[in-house]
């Protein structure tokens, strides 16, 4: 079997992946349909940002509790409950739309309820991957998970765009409600004896605070978290920024908007498959990909036509998924098993929970200053936040970072004592220079 797909040797993971791809296609179809529904109801970029923000708000408020649930209860059971909850919300929104009764406040409320299900689903799902495949295949499974998600992104938006034109937004949302059954069936068919299930965390006071303290004592992980926060809050608003660019900047319809999501997914899928081949993940890959993603987002905003904008999107998708898969694997491989649910919940809170803050702001920027500025501001803040994170947390670790162009562009990381030593070499030629500086 190809090294890219080695995690598929595990039966439980094959089952999980087969159910996930069906559900993910439905999820992307609903995202496009929901955004289009909001634009039809309000014609407002700000309203679109509010809906996106409400959908991610529960991740910010409930994320730590969701991690505690993931550490204390069987993850298969938690995931089954979340699938049922999200299916119920999707079927309700689809039914209201088909009946012609849907109003903007319905979308707001149901987006919030959908976000509650997602808040508990996401960290449990992330922590469950290592239970299916074990530590040795974790980085590969994370990459394949992202590949599945982005293969669905490749198909889902384009399919949604076509179906919205043919049958309307309501039926498209209803379809997503039925796709959650695929995940439930795959979870029920798993062999529990083949899962690498850690001993559940015992109930104790201050368990959420323990997870936060654990992270704060790890500046290497905090550096990754802050970079992910800025990217997730201000940069990863594609469903909104693509809608604004399609409608406001290029004056296109639902079909062209859906195609943009699929084009973006080409790069995202490529990034996920490349990540699946990596055996060793380093923090510098997260940082480099975050900076590249922010810069490419700015470049995409400057494209003069729909075609040139579409041509840049695969590179934006490639760098964004490289950042996310690398960050995910770095977090999971660096933490204790009993802390995995809580830490991954905090990771998902940082990734998704910033959206209620950033999405309305970016939507307002697009409404007031124009669609292109939503990408320029989002990409710029991603770059600034990532660079600031590196400077602050590397100093906390007693490290100094210097860019190197040869033999290839990279960041060289050295203890500050080594830099002092190099200065001493200049002042005192008798002292031999230090060799083999650490490269992170």
Protein backbone atom coordinates (compact mmCIF):
# COMPACT_ATOMS: atom_id res chain seq x y z
CA UNK A 1 0.00 0.00 0.00
CA UNK A 2 1.22 3.50 -0.84
CA UNK A 3 2.70 5.39 2.14
CA UNK A 4 0.13 8.11 1.47
CA UNK A 5 -2.73 5.75 2.38
CA UNK A 6 -1.11 3.49 4.98
CA UNK A 7 -3.71 4.28 7.69
CA UNK A 8 -6.36 2.57 5.54
CA UNK A 9 -4.84 -0.73 6.61
CA UNK A 10 -6.83 -0.25 9.83
CA UNK A 11 -10.39 -1.56 9.40
CA UNK A 12 -11.97 0.83 11.88
CA UNK A 13 -10.40 3.81 10.15
CA UNK A 14 -11.62 2.59 6.74
CA UNK A 15 -15.16 2.41 8.11
CA UNK A 16 -14.87 5.85 9.66
CA UNK A 17 -13.46 7.40 6.48
CA UNK A 18 -16.20 5.90 4.28
CA UNK A 19 -18.94 7.41 6.47
CA UNK A 20 -17.11 10.71 6.86
CA UNK A 21 -16.73 11.37 3.12
CA UNK A 22 -20.49 11.05 2.58
CA UNK A 23 -21.28 13.31 5.53
CA UNK A 24 -18.62 15.84 4.52
CA UNK A 25 -20.09 16.19 1.03
CA UNK A 26 -23.45 16.96 2.63
CA UNK A 27 -21.88 19.43 5.05
CA UNK A 28 -20.27 21.42 2.25
CA UNK A 29 -23.52 21.38 0.30
CA UNK A 30 -25.33 22.86 3.30
CA UNK A 31 -22.66 25.51 3.86
CA UNK A 32 -23.05 26.80 0.32
CA UNK A 33 -26.85 26.55 0.44
CA UNK A 34 -27.06 28.29 3.82
CA UNK A 35 -24.83 31.16 2.70
CA UNK A 36 -26.83 31.55 -0.49
CA UNK A 37 -30.06 31.52 1.52
CA UNK A 38 -28.76 34.35 3.74
CA UNK A 39 -27.78 36.40 0.71
CA UNK A 40 -31.23 35.84 -0.81
CA UNK A 41 -32.93 36.93 2.42
CA UNK A 42 -30.74 39.90 3.31
CA UNK A 43 -28.37 40.85 0.43
CA UNK A 44 -25.92 41.71 3.22
CA UNK A 45 -22.30 40.69 3.75
CA UNK A 46 -22.63 41.66 7.40
CA UNK A 47 -25.57 39.25 7.87
CA UNK A 48 -23.53 36.52 6.23
CA UNK A 49 -20.74 37.18 8.69
CA UNK A 50 -23.19 37.11 11.62
CA UNK A 51 -24.52 33.68 10.58
CA UNK A 52 -21.00 32.31 10.25
CA UNK A 53 -20.09 33.80 13.60
CA UNK A 54 -23.14 32.32 15.34
CA UNK A 55 -22.36 28.90 13.91
CA UNK A 56 -18.89 29.01 15.47
CA UNK A 57 -19.77 30.85 18.70
CA UNK A 58 -20.51 27.62 20.66
CA UNK A 59 -16.97 26.41 19.93
CA UNK A 60 -15.70 29.46 21.77
CA UNK A 61 -18.07 29.11 24.72
CA UNK A 62 -18.38 25.33 25.06
CA UNK A 63 -15.06 24.07 23.69
CA UNK A 64 -13.37 23.38 27.05
CA UNK A 65 -16.45 21.50 28.32
CA UNK A 66 -16.60 19.52 25.09
CA UNK A 67 -13.00 18.43 25.66
CA UNK A 68 -13.87 17.31 29.17
CA UNK A 69 -16.74 15.23 27.76
CA UNK A 70 -14.35 13.69 25.21
CA UNK A 71 -11.90 12.68 27.96
CA UNK A 72 -14.56 11.27 30.29
CA UNK A 73 -17.03 9.42 28.02
CA UNK A 74 -16.74 6.86 25.19
CA UNK A 75 -16.01 8.82 22.04
CA UNK A 76 -18.12 6.61 19.79
CA UNK A 77 -21.17 7.38 21.92
CA UNK A 78 -20.47 11.12 21.96
CA UNK A 79 -20.04 11.17 18.18
CA UNK A 80 -23.30 9.30 17.64
CA UNK A 81 -25.19 11.87 19.72
CA UNK A 82 -23.63 14.80 17.87
CA UNK A 83 -24.52 13.32 14.47
CA UNK A 84 -28.17 12.98 15.49
CA UNK A 85 -28.22 16.56 16.81
CA UNK A 86 -26.72 18.10 13.66
CA UNK A 87 -29.00 16.04 11.41
CA UNK A 88 -32.05 17.35 13.30
CA UNK A 89 -30.96 20.97 12.81
CA UNK A 90 -30.28 20.47 9.08
CA UNK A 91 -33.65 18.81 8.48
CA UNK A 92 -35.44 21.60 10.36
CA UNK A 93 -33.77 24.39 8.35
CA UNK A 94 -34.36 22.53 5.10
CA UNK A 95 -38.02 21.96 5.96
CA UNK A 96 -38.62 25.62 6.82
CA UNK A 97 -37.00 26.71 3.57
CA UNK A 98 -39.00 24.29 1.43
CA UNK A 99 -42.22 25.40 3.13
CA UNK A 100 -41.40 29.04 2.38
CA UNK A 101 -41.52 29.93 6.08
CA UNK A 102 -37.85 30.59 6.68
CA UNK A 103 -36.81 34.00 8.02
CA UNK A 104 -33.40 35.42 8.81
CA UNK A 105 -33.80 34.85 12.54
CA UNK A 106 -34.54 31.16 11.87
CA UNK A 107 -31.19 30.85 10.11
CA UNK A 108 -29.45 32.65 12.97
CA UNK A 109 -30.99 30.39 15.62
CA UNK A 110 -30.42 27.12 13.75
CA UNK A 111 -26.84 28.11 12.88
CA UNK A 112 -26.25 28.60 16.61
CA UNK A 113 -27.79 25.20 17.46
CA UNK A 114 -25.78 23.53 14.70
CA UNK A 115 -22.69 25.10 16.23
CA UNK A 116 -23.48 23.49 19.60
CA UNK A 117 -23.39 20.07 17.96
CA UNK A 118 -20.17 20.94 16.14
CA UNK A 119 -18.56 22.21 19.36
CA UNK A 120 -18.89 18.76 20.95
CA UNK A 121 -18.28 16.83 17.74
CA UNK A 122 -15.02 18.42 16.59
CA UNK A 123 -12.68 17.76 19.57
CA UNK A 124 -14.12 14.28 20.09
CA UNK A 125 -13.59 13.47 16.43
CA UNK A 126 -10.01 14.78 16.53
CA UNK A 127 -9.15 12.79 19.65
CA UNK A 128 -10.84 9.66 18.28
CA UNK A 129 -8.48 9.43 15.29
CA UNK A 130 -5.53 8.27 17.40
CA UNK A 131 -7.75 5.67 19.09
CA UNK A 132 -8.50 4.15 15.70
CA UNK A 133 -4.97 4.05 14.25
CA UNK A 134 -2.50 4.48 17.16
CA UNK A 135 0.39 6.94 17.42
CA UNK A 136 2.50 5.47 14.61
CA UNK A 137 -0.09 6.21 11.93
CA UNK A 138 -1.54 9.37 13.47
CA UNK A 139 0.06 11.94 11.18
CA UNK A 140 -0.99 9.89 8.14
CA UNK A 141 -4.56 9.52 9.43
CA UNK A 142 -4.81 13.26 10.14
CA UNK A 143 -3.70 13.97 6.57
CA UNK A 144 -6.17 11.47 5.13
CA UNK A 145 -8.92 12.94 7.30
CA UNK A 146 -8.19 16.35 5.82
CA UNK A 147 -8.02 14.82 2.34
CA UNK A 148 -11.48 13.33 2.84
CA UNK A 149 -12.82 16.64 4.06
CA UNK A 150 -11.37 18.49 1.09
CA UNK A 151 -12.36 15.87 -1.47
CA UNK A 152 -15.86 16.59 -0.18
CA UNK A 153 -15.16 20.32 -0.49
CA UNK A 154 -14.15 19.68 -4.09
CA UNK A 155 -17.47 17.98 -4.88
CA UNK A 156 -19.90 19.52 -2.39
CA UNK A 157 -19.89 23.24 -3.36
CA UNK A 158 -20.08 22.57 -7.10
CA UNK A 159 -22.87 20.04 -6.58
CA UNK A 160 -24.68 22.47 -4.28
CA UNK A 161 -24.40 25.28 -6.82
CA UNK A 162 -25.96 23.10 -9.51
CA UNK A 163 -28.70 21.74 -7.24
CA UNK A 164 -29.61 25.20 -5.92
CA UNK A 165 -30.31 26.24 -9.51
CA UNK A 166 -32.30 23.05 -10.19
CA UNK A 167 -34.24 22.33 -6.99
CA UNK A 168 -33.61 25.25 -4.61
CA UNK A 169 -31.75 25.77 -1.34
CA UNK A 170 -34.18 23.91 0.93
CA UNK A 171 -33.79 20.43 -0.64
CA UNK A 172 -30.00 20.85 -0.70
CA UNK A 173 -29.98 21.48 3.06
CA UNK A 174 -32.33 18.52 3.59
CA UNK A 175 -29.91 16.22 1.75
CA UNK A 176 -27.23 17.05 4.31
CA UNK A 177 -29.56 16.05 7.13
CA UNK A 178 -29.76 12.50 5.75
CA UNK A 179 -25.99 12.11 5.18
CA UNK A 180 -25.25 11.94 8.91
CA UNK A 181 -26.67 8.41 8.90
CA UNK A 182 -23.52 7.24 7.10
CA UNK A 183 -21.32 8.26 10.05
CA UNK A 184 -23.65 6.67 12.59
CA UNK A 185 -23.61 3.35 10.70
CA UNK A 186 -19.80 3.38 10.40
CA UNK A 187 -19.42 4.02 14.13
CA UNK A 188 -21.75 1.14 15.00
CA UNK A 189 -19.86 -1.30 12.74
CA UNK A 190 -16.46 -0.69 14.37
CA UNK A 191 -14.69 -3.41 16.36
CA UNK A 192 -14.24 -1.92 19.81
CA UNK A 193 -11.53 -4.45 20.72
CA UNK A 194 -9.27 -2.96 18.04
CA UNK A 195 -9.50 0.60 19.36
CA UNK A 196 -6.55 2.10 21.27
CA UNK A 197 -8.80 3.51 23.97
CA UNK A 198 -7.02 5.19 26.91
CA UNK A 199 -8.35 4.94 30.42
CA UNK A 200 -11.07 7.61 30.84
CA UNK A 201 -10.00 10.60 32.88
CA UNK A 202 -11.32 10.39 36.42
CA UNK A 203 -13.78 13.05 37.47
CA UNK A 204 -12.01 15.74 39.45
CA UNK A 205 -12.26 19.44 40.22
CA UNK A 206 -10.38 21.85 38.01
CA UNK A 207 -9.97 19.46 35.05
CA UNK A 208 -10.53 22.22 32.50
CA UNK A 209 -8.02 24.47 34.29
CA UNK A 210 -5.53 21.60 34.26
CA UNK A 211 -5.76 21.46 30.48
CA UNK A 212 -5.21 25.21 30.20
CA UNK A 213 -2.23 25.14 32.57
CA UNK A 214 -0.76 22.22 30.66
CA UNK A 215 -0.85 24.23 27.44
CA UNK A 216 0.48 27.44 28.98
CA UNK A 217 3.54 25.54 30.23
CA UNK A 218 4.27 24.47 26.65
CA UNK A 219 5.38 27.57 24.72
CA UNK A 220 6.07 25.41 21.67
CA UNK A 221 2.39 24.46 21.51
CA UNK A 222 1.23 27.96 22.43
CA UNK A 223 3.18 29.34 19.47
CA UNK A 224 1.26 26.99 17.17
CA UNK A 225 -2.08 27.81 18.84
CA UNK A 226 -1.69 31.57 18.45
CA UNK A 227 -0.77 31.22 14.76
CA UNK A 228 -3.82 29.00 14.24
CA UNK A 229 -6.00 31.52 16.10
CA UNK A 230 -5.11 34.39 13.78
CA UNK A 231 -5.53 32.24 10.68
CA UNK A 232 -8.84 30.79 11.88
CA UNK A 233 -10.25 34.10 13.09
CA UNK A 234 -9.33 36.37 10.21
CA UNK A 235 -8.08 34.26 7.31
CA UNK A 236 -10.18 31.10 7.10
CA UNK A 237 -13.48 32.73 6.14
CA UNK A 238 -13.62 31.30 2.63
CA UNK A 239 -17.33 30.55 2.57
CA UNK A 240 -18.02 34.23 3.23
CA UNK A 241 -15.19 35.91 1.31
CA UNK A 242 -15.74 33.73 -1.77
CA UNK A 243 -19.44 34.60 -1.73
CA UNK A 244 -18.60 38.30 -1.49
CA UNK A 245 -16.01 38.09 -4.27
CA UNK A 246 -18.34 36.10 -6.54
CA UNK A 247 -21.32 38.42 -6.10
CA UNK A 248 -19.80 41.86 -5.44
CA UNK A 249 -16.43 41.87 -7.19
CA UNK A 250 -17.23 39.66 -10.20
CA UNK A 251 -21.07 39.81 -10.35
CA UNK A 252 -21.52 36.04 -10.66
CA UNK A 253 -24.29 33.68 -9.56
CA UNK A 254 -24.67 30.60 -7.36
CA UNK A 255 -23.06 28.23 -9.87
CA UNK A 256 -19.87 30.29 -10.16
CA UNK A 257 -19.74 30.71 -6.38
CA UNK A 258 -19.96 26.94 -5.90
CA UNK A 259 -17.18 26.40 -8.45
CA UNK A 260 -14.86 28.69 -6.47
CA UNK A 261 -15.26 26.41 -3.44
CA UNK A 262 -14.36 23.38 -5.54
CA UNK A 263 -11.32 25.11 -7.06
CA UNK A 264 -10.11 26.08 -3.59
CA UNK A 265 -10.51 22.45 -2.56
CA UNK A 266 -8.13 21.29 -5.31
CA UNK A 267 -5.27 22.97 -3.47
CA UNK A 268 -6.59 21.90 -0.07
CA UNK A 269 -6.79 18.28 -1.16
CA UNK A 270 -3.25 18.44 -2.53
CA UNK A 271 -2.02 19.90 0.77
CA UNK A 272 -3.77 17.18 2.76
CA UNK A 273 -2.31 14.36 0.63
CA UNK A 274 1.19 15.84 0.89
CA UNK A 275 0.74 16.06 4.66
CA UNK A 276 -0.33 12.40 4.76
CA UNK A 277 3.05 11.38 3.30
CA UNK A 278 5.05 13.17 5.99
CA UNK A 279 6.35 11.00 8.78
CA UNK A 280 7.81 13.83 10.86
CA UNK A 281 6.03 17.12 11.47
CA UNK A 282 7.90 20.21 12.68
CA UNK A 283 6.53 23.42 14.12
CA UNK A 284 8.37 25.49 11.53
CA UNK A 285 6.15 23.95 8.85
CA UNK A 286 3.08 25.32 10.66
CA UNK A 287 4.59 28.79 10.90
CA UNK A 288 5.87 28.89 7.32
CA UNK A 289 2.56 27.67 5.92
CA UNK A 290 0.60 30.23 7.99
CA UNK A 291 2.69 33.12 6.66
CA UNK A 292 2.47 31.84 3.08
CA UNK A 293 -1.29 31.41 3.42
CA UNK A 294 -1.76 35.00 4.62
CA UNK A 295 0.36 36.41 1.81
CA UNK A 296 -1.43 34.37 -0.86
CA UNK A 297 -4.79 35.50 0.47
CA UNK A 298 -3.69 39.10 -0.09
CA UNK A 299 -2.49 38.21 -3.59
CA UNK A 300 -5.86 36.61 -4.40
CA UNK A 301 -7.64 39.85 -3.46
CA UNK A 302 -5.61 41.74 -6.05
CA UNK A 303 -6.60 39.50 -8.96
CA UNK A 304 -8.48 41.55 -11.58
CA UNK A 305 -10.82 38.90 -13.00
CA UNK A 306 -12.86 35.89 -11.88
CA UNK A 307 -10.50 33.60 -13.82
CA UNK A 308 -7.27 34.93 -12.29
CA UNK A 309 -8.85 34.85 -8.83
CA UNK A 310 -9.79 31.22 -9.39
CA UNK A 311 -6.24 30.38 -10.52
CA UNK A 312 -4.74 31.63 -7.24
CA UNK A 313 -7.23 29.78 -5.01
CA UNK A 314 -5.56 26.33 -5.24
CA UNK A 315 -2.36 27.82 -3.76
CA UNK A 316 -4.41 29.41 -0.97
CA UNK A 317 -6.00 26.03 -0.27
CA UNK A 318 -2.65 24.22 -0.36
CA UNK A 319 -1.02 26.49 2.21
CA UNK A 320 -4.06 26.63 4.49
CA UNK A 321 -4.36 22.83 4.68
CA UNK A 322 -0.62 22.39 5.12
CA UNK A 323 -0.86 24.70 8.13
CA UNK A 324 -3.92 22.99 9.62
CA UNK A 325 -2.82 19.37 9.20
CA UNK A 326 0.66 20.15 10.52
CA UNK A 327 -0.77 22.00 13.51
CA UNK A 328 -3.19 19.17 14.28
CA UNK A 329 -0.53 16.47 14.14
CA UNK A 330 1.92 18.60 16.15
CA UNK A 331 -0.63 19.04 18.93
CA UNK A 332 -1.74 15.41 19.10
CA UNK A 333 1.77 13.92 19.01
CA UNK A 334 3.02 16.28 21.73
CA UNK A 335 0.43 15.75 24.47
CA UNK A 336 -0.35 13.12 27.07
CA UNK A 337 -3.20 10.70 26.18
CA UNK A 338 -5.25 11.60 29.26
CA UNK A 339 -5.11 15.27 28.22
CA UNK A 340 -5.89 14.70 24.54
CA UNK A 341 -9.61 15.54 24.64
CA UNK A 342 -9.14 18.73 26.63
CA UNK A 343 -6.13 19.95 24.66
CA UNK A 344 -7.75 19.20 21.29
CA UNK A 345 -10.90 20.95 22.50
CA UNK A 346 -8.83 24.03 23.29
CA UNK A 347 -7.19 23.69 19.88
CA UNK A 348 -10.59 23.53 18.16
CA UNK A 349 -11.81 26.42 20.34
CA UNK A 350 -8.89 28.51 19.13
CA UNK A 351 -9.36 27.42 15.50
CA UNK A 352 -13.15 27.76 15.34
CA UNK A 353 -14.00 29.90 18.33
CA UNK A 354 -12.36 33.01 16.96
CA UNK A 355 -14.74 32.98 13.99
CA UNK A 356 -17.58 34.72 15.90
CA UNK A 357 -15.14 37.57 16.48
CA UNK A 358 -13.43 37.66 13.11
CA UNK A 359 -16.21 36.68 10.72
CA UNK A 360 -18.59 39.61 11.44
CA UNK A 361 -15.59 41.96 11.35
CA UNK A 362 -14.37 40.61 8.00
CA UNK A 363 -17.95 40.67 6.68
CA UNK A 364 -18.28 44.30 7.76
CA UNK A 365 -14.99 45.13 6.03
CA UNK A 366 -16.31 43.55 2.85
CA UNK A 367 -19.60 45.44 3.15
CA UNK A 368 -18.07 48.86 3.83
CA UNK A 369 -14.72 48.78 1.99
CA UNK A 370 -15.40 46.18 -0.67
CA UNK A 371 -15.03 42.42 -1.07
CA UNK A 372 -11.32 42.60 -1.90
CA UNK A 373 -10.51 44.28 1.41
CA UNK A 374 -12.04 41.36 3.32
CA UNK A 375 -9.22 39.20 1.93
CA UNK A 376 -6.49 41.83 2.29
CA UNK A 377 -7.31 42.50 5.93
CA UNK A 378 -7.78 38.81 6.76
CA UNK A 379 -4.49 37.79 5.15
CA UNK A 380 -2.57 40.71 6.65
CA UNK A 381 -3.75 39.97 10.19
CA UNK A 382 -2.86 36.30 9.72
CA UNK A 383 0.72 37.20 8.79
CA UNK A 384 1.13 39.75 11.59
CA UNK A 385 -0.33 37.43 14.23
CA UNK A 386 1.86 34.51 13.17
CA UNK A 387 5.06 36.55 13.17
CA UNK A 388 4.17 38.05 16.55
CA UNK A 389 3.53 34.57 17.98
CA UNK A 390 6.92 33.33 16.82
CA UNK A 391 8.76 36.32 18.27
CA UNK A 392 7.03 36.16 21.66
CA UNK A 393 7.03 32.43 22.35
CA UNK A 394 10.48 31.79 20.95
CA UNK A 395 11.78 34.35 23.45
CA UNK A 396 9.88 32.53 26.23
CA UNK A 397 11.70 29.36 25.23
CA UNK A 398 15.04 31.15 25.18
CA UNK A 399 15.36 30.82 21.41
CA UNK A 400 16.37 33.19 18.65
CA UNK A 401 15.10 32.79 15.08
CA UNK A 402 17.01 33.85 12.00
CA UNK A 403 15.95 33.48 8.33
CA UNK A 404 18.35 31.58 6.07
CA UNK A 405 18.25 31.56 2.26
CA UNK A 406 20.86 28.84 1.63
CA UNK A 407 20.95 25.96 0.88
CA UNK A 408 17.17 26.56 0.80
CA UNK A 409 14.91 29.17 2.44
CA UNK A 410 14.22 28.18 6.05
CA UNK A 411 14.13 29.43 9.61
CA UNK A 412 17.13 28.61 11.78
CA UNK A 413 16.35 28.32 15.48
CA UNK A 414 19.14 28.64 18.02
CA UNK A 415 19.32 29.04 21.79
CA UNK A 416 20.13 32.64 22.64
CA UNK A 417 23.20 31.38 24.49
CA UNK A 418 24.51 30.08 21.17
CA UNK A 419 24.15 33.52 19.63
CA UNK A 420 26.13 34.91 22.52
CA UNK A 421 28.67 32.20 21.87
CA UNK A 422 28.89 33.21 18.20
CA UNK A 423 29.53 36.80 19.25
CA UNK A 424 32.28 35.54 21.52
CA UNK A 425 33.79 33.76 18.53
CA UNK A 426 34.07 37.08 16.73
CA UNK A 427 35.64 38.73 19.76
CA UNK A 428 37.83 35.77 20.72
CA UNK A 429 39.20 33.84 17.70
CA UNK A 430 40.73 31.16 19.94
CA UNK A 431 37.26 29.80 20.82
CA UNK A 432 36.11 27.27 18.21
CA UNK A 433 32.76 28.02 16.61
CA UNK A 434 29.73 25.97 17.51
CA UNK A 435 28.44 23.59 14.85
CA UNK A 436 25.14 22.03 13.88
CA UNK A 437 22.71 24.64 15.20
CA UNK A 438 19.25 23.28 15.95
CA UNK A 439 16.84 23.77 13.09
CA UNK A 440 13.20 23.51 14.16
